[in-house]
């Protein structure tokens, strides 16, 4: 499974490691992903999502039902 947030779509970025001598080598900036279970009362079931921590904060703010409606509309 790829390292992509299921709500925001965030994924790894590419950049450079820069040494003291200013030599540059490629590196990855991975997303801070967490597997999290949410209970959806309308459907009376649990859903497991792979989310970035910013998406978890967004769900805490708006609610899981509102966020799932946004995902389905996209």
C-alpha atoms as a PDB file:
ATOM      1  CA  UNK A   1       0.000   0.000   0.000  1.00  0.00           C
ATOM      2  CA  UNK A   2       1.332   3.410  -0.931  1.00  0.00           C
ATOM      3  CA  UNK A   3       2.124   6.139   1.574  1.00  0.00           C
ATOM      4  CA  UNK A   4      -0.722   8.508   0.616  1.00  0.00           C
ATOM      5  CA  UNK A   5      -3.268  10.128   2.920  1.00  0.00           C
ATOM      6  CA  UNK A   6      -6.788   8.968   2.043  1.00  0.00           C
ATOM      7  CA  UNK A   7      -8.390  12.310   2.964  1.00  0.00           C
ATOM      8  CA  UNK A   8      -5.966  15.034   1.880  1.00  0.00           C
ATOM      9  CA  UNK A   9      -4.038  13.116  -0.797  1.00  0.00           C
ATOM     10  CA  UNK A  10      -0.690  14.125   0.687  1.00  0.00           C
ATOM     11  CA  UNK A  11       2.280  12.023  -0.429  1.00  0.00           C
ATOM     12  CA  UNK A  12       6.069  12.024  -0.193  1.00  0.00           C
ATOM     13  CA  UNK A  13       8.035  14.975  -1.574  1.00  0.00           C
ATOM     14  CA  UNK A  14      11.553  14.836  -3.032  1.00  0.00           C
ATOM     15  CA  UNK A  15      14.366  17.145  -2.003  1.00  0.00           C
ATOM     16  CA  UNK A  16      18.075  17.273  -1.276  1.00  0.00           C
ATOM     17  CA  UNK A  17      20.321  16.441   1.649  1.00  0.00           C
ATOM     18  CA  UNK A  18      22.864  19.260   1.728  1.00  0.00           C
ATOM     19  CA  UNK A  19      26.190  18.493   3.407  1.00  0.00           C
ATOM     20  CA  UNK A  20      28.561  20.956   5.051  1.00  0.00           C
ATOM     21  CA  UNK A  21      30.576  21.040   1.807  1.00  0.00           C
ATOM     22  CA  UNK A  22      27.312  21.879  -0.051  1.00  0.00           C
ATOM     23  CA  UNK A  23      27.215  18.491  -1.814  1.00  0.00           C
ATOM     24  CA  UNK A  24      23.613  17.550  -2.648  1.00  0.00           C
ATOM     25  CA  UNK A  25      22.116  14.042  -2.627  1.00  0.00           C
ATOM     26  CA  UNK A  26      18.470  13.106  -3.172  1.00  0.00           C
ATOM     27  CA  UNK A  27      16.186  12.315  -0.244  1.00  0.00           C
ATOM     28  CA  UNK A  28      12.475  11.864   0.513  1.00  0.00           C
ATOM     29  CA  UNK A  29      10.254  13.838   2.853  1.00  0.00           C
ATOM     30  CA  UNK A  30       7.666  11.240   3.909  1.00  0.00           C
ATOM     31  CA  UNK A  31       4.205  12.136   5.165  1.00  0.00           C
ATOM     32  CA  UNK A  32       3.404  11.549   8.843  1.00  0.00           C
ATOM     33  CA  UNK A  33       0.776   8.810   8.319  1.00  0.00           C
ATOM     34  CA  UNK A  34      -1.240   7.021  11.016  1.00  0.00           C
ATOM     35  CA  UNK A  35      -3.746   4.166  10.729  1.00  0.00           C
ATOM     36  CA  UNK A  36      -6.878   5.257  12.622  1.00  0.00           C
ATOM     37  CA  UNK A  37     -10.294   3.675  13.198  1.00  0.00           C
ATOM     38  CA  UNK A  38     -13.439   5.814  13.255  1.00  0.00           C
ATOM     39  CA  UNK A  39     -16.988   4.819  14.171  1.00  0.00           C
ATOM     40  CA  UNK A  40     -19.675   6.124  11.812  1.00  0.00           C
ATOM     41  CA  UNK A  41     -22.992   6.251  13.702  1.00  0.00           C
ATOM     42  CA  UNK A  42     -25.145   6.764  10.555  1.00  0.00           C
ATOM     43  CA  UNK A  43     -23.919   3.480   9.058  1.00  0.00           C
ATOM     44  CA  UNK A  44     -23.323   1.814  12.456  1.00  0.00           C
ATOM     45  CA  UNK A  45     -19.854   0.530  11.468  1.00  0.00           C
ATOM     46  CA  UNK A  46     -16.130   1.104  11.979  1.00  0.00           C
ATOM     47  CA  UNK A  47     -13.890   2.414   9.188  1.00  0.00           C
ATOM     48  CA  UNK A  48     -10.077   2.204   9.167  1.00  0.00           C
ATOM     49  CA  UNK A  49      -8.307   5.015   7.318  1.00  0.00           C
ATOM     50  CA  UNK A  50      -4.648   5.794   6.618  1.00  0.00           C
ATOM     51  CA  UNK A  51      -4.405   9.499   7.440  1.00  0.00           C
ATOM     52  CA  UNK A  52      -1.876  12.264   7.814  1.00  0.00           C
ATOM     53  CA  UNK A  53      -1.869  13.884  11.232  1.00  0.00           C
ATOM     54  CA  UNK A  54      -3.217  17.106   9.729  1.00  0.00           C
ATOM     55  CA  UNK A  55      -6.195  15.133   8.354  1.00  0.00           C
ATOM     56  CA  UNK A  56      -6.862  13.712  11.846  1.00  0.00           C
ATOM     57  CA  UNK A  57      -6.951  17.270  13.224  1.00  0.00           C
ATOM     58  CA  UNK A  58      -9.328  18.206  10.404  1.00  0.00           C
ATOM     59  CA  UNK A  59     -11.643  15.290  11.304  1.00  0.00           C
ATOM     60  CA  UNK A  60     -11.566  16.306  14.983  1.00  0.00           C
ATOM     61  CA  UNK A  61     -12.604  19.814  13.967  1.00  0.00           C
ATOM     62  CA  UNK A  62     -15.325  19.039  11.348  1.00  0.00           C
ATOM     63  CA  UNK A  63     -16.437  15.526  12.307  1.00  0.00           C
ATOM     64  CA  UNK A  64     -16.003  12.230  10.483  1.00  0.00           C
ATOM     65  CA  UNK A  65     -19.386  12.418   8.707  1.00  0.00           C
ATOM     66  CA  UNK A  66     -18.666  15.812   7.154  1.00  0.00           C
ATOM     67  CA  UNK A  67     -15.202  14.752   5.989  1.00  0.00           C
ATOM     68  CA  UNK A  68     -16.531  11.524   4.426  1.00  0.00           C
ATOM     69  CA  UNK A  69     -19.175  13.531   2.542  1.00  0.00           C
ATOM     70  CA  UNK A  70     -16.410  15.774   1.142  1.00  0.00           C
ATOM     71  CA  UNK A  71     -14.404  12.729   0.024  1.00  0.00           C
ATOM     72  CA  UNK A  72     -17.411  11.159  -1.711  1.00  0.00           C
ATOM     73  CA  UNK A  73     -18.289  14.439  -3.496  1.00  0.00           C
ATOM     74  CA  UNK A  74     -14.746  14.583  -4.956  1.00  0.00           C
END
